Amino acid sequence: MTTTTRDVLIAARALIADERNWIKGANFRKVAGCDCFCADGAVEEVFRNRPWEPGVRPALRAASPNGMIVTYNDADETTHADVLAMFDRAIEACS
């Protein structure tokens, strides 16, 4: 199976598409029995099941308004919609 940057970004976005599965302040956490991830944690989870793709984090950093994945995800003013939009920009740039 060939894995592309776009494939990983789409899979990671899908993990946090439901706001109940997105968190701040940690890569991964169980909340009410659900697996929850920050943006970077979602990428890590996808890498557990796929070959490493080195273009993923640079694509997300380029799509992040502050050039960072974790600090953007965790910023007080960043919303779930903002993080999904970051993924969308990165996915679009890979198309």
PDB file of N, CA and C in Angstrom:
ATOM      1  N   MET A   1       0.835  -1.181   0.000  1.00  0.00           N
ATOM      2  CA  MET A   1       0.000   0.000   0.000  1.00  0.00           C
ATOM      3  C   MET A   1       0.878   1.241   0.000  1.00  0.00           C
ATOM      4  N   THR A   2       0.674   2.094  -0.937  1.00  0.00           N
ATOM      5  CA  THR A   2       1.404   3.345  -1.004  1.00  0.00           C
ATOM      6  C   THR A   2       0.695   4.372  -0.132  1.00  0.00           C
ATOM      7  N   THR A   3       1.443   5.013   0.723  1.00  0.00           N
ATOM      8  CA  THR A   3       0.895   6.043   1.591  1.00  0.00           C
ATOM      9  C   THR A   3       1.475   7.382   1.169  1.00  0.00           C
ATOM     10  N   THR A   4       0.610   8.349   0.963  1.00  0.00           N
ATOM     11  CA  THR A   4       1.053   9.687   0.596  1.00  0.00           C
ATOM     12  C   THR A   4       0.798  10.640   1.764  1.00  0.00           C
ATOM     13  N   THR A   5       1.409  11.789   1.689  1.00  0.00           N
ATOM     14  CA  THR A   5       1.157  12.835   2.676  1.00  0.00           C
ATOM     15  C   THR A   5      -0.336  13.125   2.757  1.00  0.00           C
ATOM     16  N   ARG A   6      -0.961  13.232   1.614  1.00  0.00           N
ATOM     17  CA  ARG A   6      -2.404  13.524   1.556  1.00  0.00           C
ATOM     18  C   ARG A   6      -3.203  12.427   2.258  1.00  0.00           C
ATOM     19  N   ASP A   7      -2.858  11.158   2.025  1.00  0.00           N
ATOM     20  CA  ASP A   7      -3.558  10.039   2.679  1.00  0.00           C
ATOM     21  C   ASP A   7      -3.495  10.157   4.199  1.00  0.00           C
ATOM     22  N   VAL A   8      -2.309  10.458   4.717  1.00  0.00           N
ATOM     23  CA  VAL A   8      -2.135  10.560   6.164  1.00  0.00           C
ATOM     24  C   VAL A   8      -2.914  11.748   6.712  1.00  0.00           C
ATOM     25  N   LEU A   9      -2.866  12.869   6.030  1.00  0.00           N
ATOM     26  CA  LEU A   9      -3.603  14.050   6.476  1.00  0.00           C
ATOM     27  C   LEU A   9      -5.106  13.785   6.511  1.00  0.00           C
ATOM     28  N   ILE A  10      -5.622  13.124   5.500  1.00  0.00           N
ATOM     29  CA  ILE A  10      -7.054  12.813   5.453  1.00  0.00           C
ATOM     30  C   ILE A  10      -7.427  11.870   6.601  1.00  0.00           C
ATOM     31  N   ALA A  11      -6.611  10.857   6.830  1.00  0.00           N
ATOM     32  CA  ALA A  11      -6.895   9.898   7.905  1.00  0.00           C
ATOM     33  C   ALA A  11      -6.805  10.566   9.281  1.00  0.00           C
ATOM     34  N   ALA A  12      -5.811  11.424   9.476  1.00  0.00           N
ATOM     35  CA  ALA A  12      -5.662  12.119  10.763  1.00  0.00           C
ATOM     36  C   ALA A  12      -6.825  13.079  10.994  1.00  0.00           C
ATOM     37  N   ARG A  13      -7.228  13.795   9.963  1.00  0.00           N
ATOM     38  CA  ARG A  13      -8.364  14.716  10.081  1.00  0.00           C
ATOM     39  C   ARG A  13      -9.624  13.937  10.467  1.00  0.00           C
ATOM     40  N   ALA A  14      -9.797  12.769   9.866  1.00  0.00           N
ATOM     41  CA  ALA A  14     -10.977  11.956  10.151  1.00  0.00           C
ATOM     42  C   ALA A  14     -11.042  11.561  11.628  1.00  0.00           C
ATOM     43  N   LEU A  15      -9.884  11.349  12.254  1.00  0.00           N
ATOM     44  CA  LEU A  15      -9.867  10.974  13.672  1.00  0.00           C
ATOM     45  C   LEU A  15     -10.428  12.069  14.577  1.00  0.00           C
ATOM     46  N   ILE A  16     -10.267  13.321  14.164  1.00  0.00           N
ATOM     47  CA  ILE A  16     -10.730  14.432  15.002  1.00  0.00           C
ATOM     48  C   ILE A  16     -11.877  15.215  14.356  1.00  0.00           C
ATOM     49  N   ALA A  17     -12.472  14.661  13.310  1.00  0.00           N
ATOM     50  CA  ALA A  17     -13.568  15.359  12.631  1.00  0.00           C
ATOM     51  C   ALA A  17     -14.735  15.633  13.578  1.00  0.00           C
ATOM     52  N   ASP A  18     -14.977  14.696  14.469  1.00  0.00           N
ATOM     53  CA  ASP A  18     -15.999  14.895  15.506  1.00  0.00           C
ATOM     54  C   ASP A  18     -15.331  15.640  16.657  1.00  0.00           C
ATOM     55  N   GLU A  19     -15.845  16.778  17.012  1.00  0.00           N
ATOM     56  CA  GLU A  19     -15.222  17.615  18.040  1.00  0.00           C
ATOM     57  C   GLU A  19     -15.031  16.879  19.368  1.00  0.00           C
ATOM     58  N   ARG A  20     -15.854  15.889  19.632  1.00  0.00           N
ATOM     59  CA  ARG A  20     -15.708  15.118  20.872  1.00  0.00           C
ATOM     60  C   ARG A  20     -14.410  14.308  20.901  1.00  0.00           C
ATOM     61  N   ASN A  21     -13.760  14.128  19.753  1.00  0.00           N
ATOM     62  CA  ASN A  21     -12.518  13.356  19.659  1.00  0.00           C
ATOM     63  C   ASN A  21     -11.279  14.242  19.542  1.00  0.00           C
ATOM     64  N   TRP A  22     -11.461  15.541  19.726  1.00  0.00           N
ATOM     65  CA  TRP A  22     -10.350  16.497  19.626  1.00  0.00           C
ATOM     66  C   TRP A  22     -10.059  17.075  21.011  1.00  0.00           C
ATOM     67  N   ILE A  23      -8.774  17.230  21.315  1.00  0.00           N
ATOM     68  CA  ILE A  23      -8.377  17.777  22.616  1.00  0.00           C
ATOM     69  C   ILE A  23      -7.266  18.796  22.451  1.00  0.00           C
ATOM     70  N   LYS A  24      -7.045  19.515  23.526  1.00  0.00           N
ATOM     71  CA  LYS A  24      -5.914  20.427  23.652  1.00  0.00           C
ATOM     72  C   LYS A  24      -5.077  19.960  24.837  1.00  0.00           C
ATOM     73  N   GLY A  25      -3.795  20.266  24.807  1.00  0.00           N
ATOM     74  CA  GLY A  25      -2.940  20.031  25.963  1.00  0.00           C
ATOM     75  C   GLY A  25      -2.330  18.652  26.087  1.00  0.00           C
ATOM     76  N   ALA A  26      -2.622  17.756  25.172  1.00  0.00           N
ATOM     77  CA  ALA A  26      -2.040  16.409  25.185  1.00  0.00           C
ATOM     78  C   ALA A  26      -2.191  15.819  23.790  1.00  0.00           C
ATOM     79  N   ASN A  27      -1.285  14.932  23.423  1.00  0.00           N
ATOM     80  CA  ASN A  27      -1.411  14.271  22.125  1.00  0.00           C
ATOM     81  C   ASN A  27      -2.571  13.288  22.106  1.00  0.00           C
ATOM     82  N   PHE A  28      -2.756  12.590  23.240  1.00  0.00           N
ATOM     83  CA  PHE A  28      -3.783  11.561  23.322  1.00  0.00           C
ATOM     84  C   PHE A  28      -4.351  11.525  24.734  1.00  0.00           C
ATOM     85  N   ARG A  29      -5.626  11.272  24.813  1.00  0.00           N
ATOM     86  CA  ARG A  29      -6.266  11.122  26.120  1.00  0.00           C
ATOM     87  C   ARG A  29      -7.556  10.334  25.912  1.00  0.00           C
ATOM     88  N   LYS A  30      -7.879   9.478  26.854  1.00  0.00           N
ATOM     89  CA  LYS A  30      -9.190   8.818  26.867  1.00  0.00           C
ATOM     90  C   LYS A  30     -10.142   9.744  27.610  1.00  0.00           C
ATOM     91  N   VAL A  31     -11.256  10.068  26.985  1.00  0.00           N
ATOM     92  CA  VAL A  31     -12.270  10.911  27.603  1.00  0.00           C
ATOM     93  C   VAL A  31     -13.606  10.175  27.472  1.00  0.00           C
ATOM     94  N   ALA A  32     -14.183   9.861  28.594  1.00  0.00           N
ATOM     95  CA  ALA A  32     -15.462   9.145  28.613  1.00  0.00           C
ATOM     96  C   ALA A  32     -15.417   7.898  27.727  1.00  0.00           C
ATOM     97  N   GLY A  33     -14.288   7.196  27.773  1.00  0.00           N
ATOM     98  CA  GLY A  33     -14.140   5.960  27.012  1.00  0.00           C
ATOM     99  C   GLY A  33     -13.789   6.136  25.549  1.00  0.00           C
ATOM    100  N   CYS A  34     -13.646   7.380  25.096  1.00  0.00           N
ATOM    101  CA  CYS A  34     -13.320   7.656  23.691  1.00  0.00           C
ATOM    102  C   CYS A  34     -11.852   8.043  23.555  1.00  0.00           C
ATOM    103  N   ASP A  35     -11.248   7.646  22.453  1.00  0.00           N
ATOM    104  CA  ASP A  35      -9.889   8.079  22.142  1.00  0.00           C
ATOM    105  C   ASP A  35      -9.957   9.493  21.583  1.00  0.00           C
ATOM    106  N   CYS A  36      -9.225  10.408  22.201  1.00  0.00           N
ATOM    107  CA  CYS A  36      -9.214  11.805  21.781  1.00  0.00           C
ATOM    108  C   CYS A  36      -7.790  12.217  21.458  1.00  0.00           C
ATOM    109  N   PHE A  37      -7.642  13.056  20.443  1.00  0.00           N
ATOM    110  CA  PHE A  37      -6.332  13.448  19.948  1.00  0.00           C
ATOM    111  C   PHE A  37      -6.272  14.945  19.687  1.00  0.00           C
ATOM    112  N   CYS A  38      -5.079  15.507  19.823  1.00  0.00           N
ATOM    113  CA  CYS A  38      -4.828  16.841  19.290  1.00  0.00           C
ATOM    114  C   CYS A  38      -4.442  16.640  17.822  1.00  0.00           C
ATOM    115  N   ALA A  39      -4.164  17.709  17.107  1.00  0.00           N
ATOM    116  CA  ALA A  39      -3.801  17.594  15.694  1.00  0.00           C
ATOM    117  C   ALA A  39      -2.574  16.704  15.507  1.00  0.00           C
ATOM    118  N   ASP A  40      -1.535  16.937  16.293  1.00  0.00           N
ATOM    119  CA  ASP A  40      -0.312  16.146  16.164  1.00  0.00           C
ATOM    120  C   ASP A  40      -0.527  14.713  16.641  1.00  0.00           C
ATOM    121  N   GLY A  41      -1.316  14.540  17.677  1.00  0.00           N
ATOM    122  CA  GLY A  41      -1.618  13.204  18.168  1.00  0.00           C
ATOM    123  C   GLY A  41      -2.380  12.379  17.149  1.00  0.00           C
ATOM    124  N   ALA A  42      -3.255  13.015  16.387  1.00  0.00           N
ATOM    125  CA  ALA A  42      -3.981  12.316  15.328  1.00  0.00           C
ATOM    126  C   ALA A  42      -3.013  11.827  14.256  1.00  0.00           C
ATOM    127  N   VAL A  43      -2.041  12.659  13.921  1.00  0.00           N
ATOM    128  CA  VAL A  43      -1.013  12.245  12.954  1.00  0.00           C
ATOM    129  C   VAL A  43      -0.236  11.046  13.499  1.00  0.00           C
ATOM    130  N   GLU A  44       0.159  11.119  14.761  1.00  0.00           N
ATOM    131  CA  GLU A  44       0.885  10.001  15.390  1.00  0.00           C
ATOM    132  C   GLU A  44       0.070   8.713  15.342  1.00  0.00           C
ATOM    133  N   GLU A  45      -1.207   8.818  15.618  1.00  0.00           N
ATOM    134  CA  GLU A  45      -2.075   7.631  15.610  1.00  0.00           C
ATOM    135  C   GLU A  45      -2.129   7.018  14.214  1.00  0.00           C
ATOM    136  N   VAL A  46      -2.223   7.839  13.200  1.00  0.00           N
ATOM    137  CA  VAL A  46      -2.247   7.320  11.827  1.00  0.00           C
ATOM    138  C   VAL A  46      -0.924   6.634  11.499  1.00  0.00           C
ATOM    139  N   PHE A  47       0.183   7.196  11.963  1.00  0.00           N
ATOM    140  CA  PHE A  47       1.490   6.592  11.698  1.00  0.00           C
ATOM    141  C   PHE A  47       1.646   5.233  12.373  1.00  0.00           C
ATOM    142  N   ARG A  48       0.847   4.945  13.383  1.00  0.00           N
ATOM    143  CA  ARG A  48       0.920   3.625  14.019  1.00  0.00           C
ATOM    144  C   ARG A  48       0.483   2.530  13.059  1.00  0.00           C
ATOM    145  N   ASN A  49      -0.357   2.875  12.086  1.00  0.00           N
ATOM    146  CA  ASN A  49      -0.930   1.891  11.169  1.00  0.00           C
ATOM    147  C   ASN A  49      -0.465   2.039   9.727  1.00  0.00           C
ATOM    148  N   ARG A  50       0.412   2.978   9.474  1.00  0.00           N
ATOM    149  CA  ARG A  50       0.883   3.228   8.102  1.00  0.00           C
ATOM    150  C   ARG A  50       2.374   3.515   8.133  1.00  0.00           C
ATOM    151  N   PRO A  51       3.007   3.372   6.998  1.00  0.00           N
ATOM    152  CA  PRO A  51       4.426   3.754   6.926  1.00  0.00           C
ATOM    153  C   PRO A  51       4.589   5.253   7.176  1.00  0.00           C
ATOM    154  N   TRP A  52       5.725   5.626   7.748  1.00  0.00           N
ATOM    155  CA  TRP A  52       6.048   7.029   8.014  1.00  0.00           C
ATOM    156  C   TRP A  52       6.087   7.800   6.712  1.00  0.00           C
ATOM    157  N   GLU A  53       5.481   8.962   6.683  1.00  0.00           N
ATOM    158  CA  GLU A  53       5.499   9.847   5.516  1.00  0.00           C
ATOM    159  C   GLU A  53       6.053  11.187   5.971  1.00  0.00           C
ATOM    160  N   PRO A  54       7.300  11.517   5.572  1.00  0.00           N
ATOM    161  CA  PRO A  54       7.971  12.699   6.120  1.00  0.00           C
ATOM    162  C   PRO A  54       7.362  14.048   5.719  1.00  0.00           C
ATOM    163  N   GLY A  55       6.485  14.085   4.743  1.00  0.00           N
ATOM    164  CA  GLY A  55       5.923  15.360   4.313  1.00  0.00           C
ATOM    165  C   GLY A  55       4.737  15.844   5.115  1.00  0.00           C
ATOM    166  N   VAL A  56       4.236  15.017   6.040  1.00  0.00           N
ATOM    167  CA  VAL A  56       2.996  15.355   6.747  1.00  0.00           C
ATOM    168  C   VAL A  56       3.166  16.566   7.656  1.00  0.00           C
ATOM    169  N   ARG A  57       4.127  16.520   8.541  1.00  0.00           N
ATOM    170  CA  ARG A  57       4.279  17.637   9.487  1.00  0.00           C
ATOM    171  C   ARG A  57       4.670  18.938   8.776  1.00  0.00           C
ATOM    172  N   PRO A  58       5.574  18.913   7.792  1.00  0.00           N
ATOM    173  CA  PRO A  58       5.836  20.161   7.069  1.00  0.00           C
ATOM    174  C   PRO A  58       4.578  20.723   6.384  1.00  0.00           C
ATOM    175  N   ALA A  59       3.727  19.844   5.872  1.00  0.00           N
ATOM    176  CA  ALA A  59       2.493  20.312   5.227  1.00  0.00           C
ATOM    177  C   ALA A  59       1.566  20.962   6.249  1.00  0.00           C
ATOM    178  N   LEU A  60       1.447  20.362   7.431  1.00  0.00           N
ATOM    179  CA  LEU A  60       0.605  20.959   8.473  1.00  0.00           C
ATOM    180  C   LEU A  60       1.191  22.267   8.997  1.00  0.00           C
ATOM    181  N   ARG A  61       2.520  22.297   9.181  1.00  0.00           N
ATOM    182  CA  ARG A  61       3.135  23.554   9.648  1.00  0.00           C
ATOM    183  C   ARG A  61       2.915  24.668   8.633  1.00  0.00           C
ATOM    184  N   ALA A  62       3.014  24.346   7.348  1.00  0.00           N
ATOM    185  CA  ALA A  62       2.797  25.358   6.309  1.00  0.00           C
ATOM    186  C   ALA A  62       1.345  25.846   6.310  1.00  0.00           C
ATOM    187  N   ALA A  63       0.415  24.987   6.708  1.00  0.00           N
ATOM    188  CA  ALA A  63      -1.006  25.343   6.723  1.00  0.00           C
ATOM    189  C   ALA A  63      -1.437  26.020   8.032  1.00  0.00           C
ATOM    190  N   SER A  64      -0.570  25.992   9.034  1.00  0.00           N
ATOM    191  CA  SER A  64      -0.886  26.583  10.333  1.00  0.00           C
ATOM    192  C   SER A  64      -0.617  28.083  10.307  1.00  0.00           C
ATOM    193  N   PRO A  65      -1.529  28.892  10.803  1.00  0.00           N
ATOM    194  CA  PRO A  65      -1.312  30.334  10.818  1.00  0.00           C
ATOM    195  C   PRO A  65      -0.055  30.777  11.570  1.00  0.00           C
ATOM    196  N   ASN A  66       0.373  30.017  12.579  1.00  0.00           N
ATOM    197  CA  ASN A  66       1.589  30.407  13.296  1.00  0.00           C
ATOM    198  C   ASN A  66       2.785  29.527  12.956  1.00  0.00           C
ATOM    199  N   GLY A  67       2.635  28.657  11.964  1.00  0.00           N
ATOM    200  CA  GLY A  67       3.738  27.816  11.521  1.00  0.00           C
ATOM    201  C   GLY A  67       4.052  26.650  12.451  1.00  0.00           C
ATOM    202  N   MET A  68       3.201  26.426  13.446  1.00  0.00           N
ATOM    203  CA  MET A  68       3.404  25.351  14.414  1.00  0.00           C
ATOM    204  C   MET A  68       2.125  24.511  14.498  1.00  0.00           C
ATOM    205  N   ILE A  69       2.273  23.234  14.780  1.00  0.00           N
ATOM    206  CA  ILE A  69       1.103  22.366  14.887  1.00  0.00           C
ATOM    207  C   ILE A  69       0.567  22.364  16.316  1.00  0.00           C
ATOM    208  N   VAL A  70       1.411  22.013  17.262  1.00  0.00           N
ATOM    209  CA  VAL A  70       0.966  21.841  18.649  1.00  0.00           C
ATOM    210  C   VAL A  70       0.560  23.175  19.277  1.00  0.00           C
ATOM    211  N   THR A  71       1.378  24.208  19.123  1.00  0.00           N
ATOM    212  CA  THR A  71       1.026  25.481  19.764  1.00  0.00           C
ATOM    213  C   THR A  71      -0.228  26.088  19.138  1.00  0.00           C
ATOM    214  N   TYR A  72      -0.440  25.860  17.850  1.00  0.00           N
ATOM    215  CA  TYR A  72      -1.673  26.349  17.225  1.00  0.00           C
ATOM    216  C   TYR A  72      -2.870  25.575  17.760  1.00  0.00           C
ATOM    217  N   ASN A  73      -2.769  24.247  17.796  1.00  0.00           N
ATOM    218  CA  ASN A  73      -3.850  23.420  18.318  1.00  0.00           C
ATOM    219  C   ASN A  73      -4.202  23.834  19.748  1.00  0.00           C
ATOM    220  N   ASP A  74      -3.187  24.075  20.573  1.00  0.00           N
ATOM    221  CA  ASP A  74      -3.399  24.316  21.998  1.00  0.00           C
ATOM    222  C   ASP A  74      -3.685  25.770  22.375  1.00  0.00           C
ATOM    223  N   ALA A  75      -3.569  26.688  21.436  1.00  0.00           N
ATOM    224  CA  ALA A  75      -3.813  28.100  21.751  1.00  0.00           C
ATOM    225  C   ALA A  75      -5.251  28.298  22.226  1.00  0.00           C
ATOM    226  N   ASP A  76      -5.417  29.135  23.223  1.00  0.00           N
ATOM    227  CA  ASP A  76      -6.752  29.381  23.789  1.00  0.00           C
ATOM    228  C   ASP A  76      -7.767  29.785  22.725  1.00  0.00           C
ATOM    229  N   GLU A  77      -7.339  30.588  21.776  1.00  0.00           N
ATOM    230  CA  GLU A  77      -8.261  31.112  20.771  1.00  0.00           C
ATOM    231  C   GLU A  77      -8.530  30.143  19.619  1.00  0.00           C
ATOM    232  N   THR A  78      -7.763  29.067  19.511  1.00  0.00           N
ATOM    233  CA  THR A  78      -7.953  28.118  18.415  1.00  0.00           C
ATOM    234  C   THR A  78      -9.146  27.215  18.703  1.00  0.00           C
ATOM    235  N   THR A  79     -10.032  27.122  17.718  1.00  0.00           N
ATOM    236  CA  THR A  79     -11.222  26.289  17.844  1.00  0.00           C
ATOM    237  C   THR A  79     -11.042  24.982  17.072  1.00  0.00           C
ATOM    238  N   HIS A  80     -11.945  24.071  17.301  1.00  0.00           N
ATOM    239  CA  HIS A  80     -11.966  22.814  16.553  1.00  0.00           C
ATOM    240  C   HIS A  80     -12.061  23.110  15.060  1.00  0.00           C
ATOM    241  N   ALA A  81     -12.930  24.038  14.688  1.00  0.00           N
ATOM    242  CA  ALA A  81     -13.080  24.402  13.267  1.00  0.00           C
ATOM    243  C   ALA A  81     -11.768  24.937  12.696  1.00  0.00           C
ATOM    244  N   ASP A  82     -11.019  25.689  13.492  1.00  0.00           N
ATOM    245  CA  ASP A  82      -9.719  26.205  13.038  1.00  0.00           C
ATOM    246  C   ASP A  82      -8.750  25.064  12.728  1.00  0.00           C
ATOM    247  N   VAL A  83      -8.732  24.056  13.588  1.00  0.00           N
ATOM    248  CA  VAL A  83      -7.820  22.921  13.392  1.00  0.00           C
ATOM    249  C   VAL A  83      -8.233  22.123  12.155  1.00  0.00           C
ATOM    250  N   LEU A  84      -9.527  21.903  11.977  1.00  0.00           N
ATOM    251  CA  LEU A  84      -9.973  21.207  10.771  1.00  0.00           C
ATOM    252  C   LEU A  84      -9.631  22.009   9.523  1.00  0.00           C
ATOM    253  N   ALA A  85      -9.751  23.321   9.602  1.00  0.00           N
ATOM    254  CA  ALA A  85      -9.397  24.170   8.461  1.00  0.00           C
ATOM    255  C   ALA A  85      -7.902  24.066   8.152  1.00  0.00           C
ATOM    256  N   MET A  86      -7.074  23.950   9.197  1.00  0.00           N
ATOM    257  CA  MET A  86      -5.637  23.760   8.979  1.00  0.00           C
ATOM    258  C   MET A  86      -5.399  22.465   8.199  1.00  0.00           C
ATOM    259  N   PHE A  87      -6.062  21.386   8.628  1.00  0.00           N
ATOM    260  CA  PHE A  87      -5.948  20.133   7.893  1.00  0.00           C
ATOM    261  C   PHE A  87      -6.435  20.293   6.456  1.00  0.00           C
ATOM    262  N   ASP A  88      -7.557  20.982   6.269  1.00  0.00           N
ATOM    263  CA  ASP A  88      -8.105  21.176   4.926  1.00  0.00           C
ATOM    264  C   ASP A  88      -7.129  21.923   4.024  1.00  0.00           C
ATOM    265  N   ARG A  89      -6.488  22.963   4.560  1.00  0.00           N
ATOM    266  CA  ARG A  89      -5.494  23.711   3.768  1.00  0.00           C
ATOM    267  C   ARG A  89      -4.319  22.812   3.388  1.00  0.00           C
ATOM    268  N   ALA A  90      -3.865  22.005   4.342  1.00  0.00           N
ATOM    269  CA  ALA A  90      -2.742  21.105   4.069  1.00  0.00           C
ATOM    270  C   ALA A  90      -3.129  20.055   3.031  1.00  0.00           C
ATOM    271  N   ILE A  91      -4.320  19.508   3.156  1.00  0.00           N
ATOM    272  CA  ILE A  91      -4.800  18.516   2.182  1.00  0.00           C
ATOM    273  C   ILE A  91      -4.913  19.137   0.799  1.00  0.00           C
ATOM    274  N   GLU A  92      -5.481  20.312   0.732  1.00  0.00           N
ATOM    275  CA  GLU A  92      -5.628  21.016  -0.546  1.00  0.00           C
ATOM    276  C   GLU A  92      -4.267  21.285  -1.188  1.00  0.00           C
ATOM    277  N   ALA A  93      -3.306  21.654  -0.384  1.00  0.00           N
ATOM    278  CA  ALA A  93      -1.957  21.942  -0.911  1.00  0.00           C
ATOM    279  C   ALA A  93      -1.295  20.681  -1.475  1.00  0.00           C
ATOM    280  N   CYS A  94      -1.725  19.519  -1.019  1.00  0.00           N
ATOM    281  CA  CYS A  94      -1.161  18.252  -1.501  1.00  0.00           C
ATOM    282  C   CYS A  94      -1.867  17.706  -2.718  1.00  0.00           C
ATOM    283  N   SER A  95      -2.978  18.339  -3.110  1.00  0.00           N
ATOM    284  CA  SER A  95      -3.770  17.834  -4.241  1.00  0.00           C
ATOM    285  C   SER A  95      -3.117  18.109  -5.565  1.00  0.00           C
TER     286      SER A  95
END
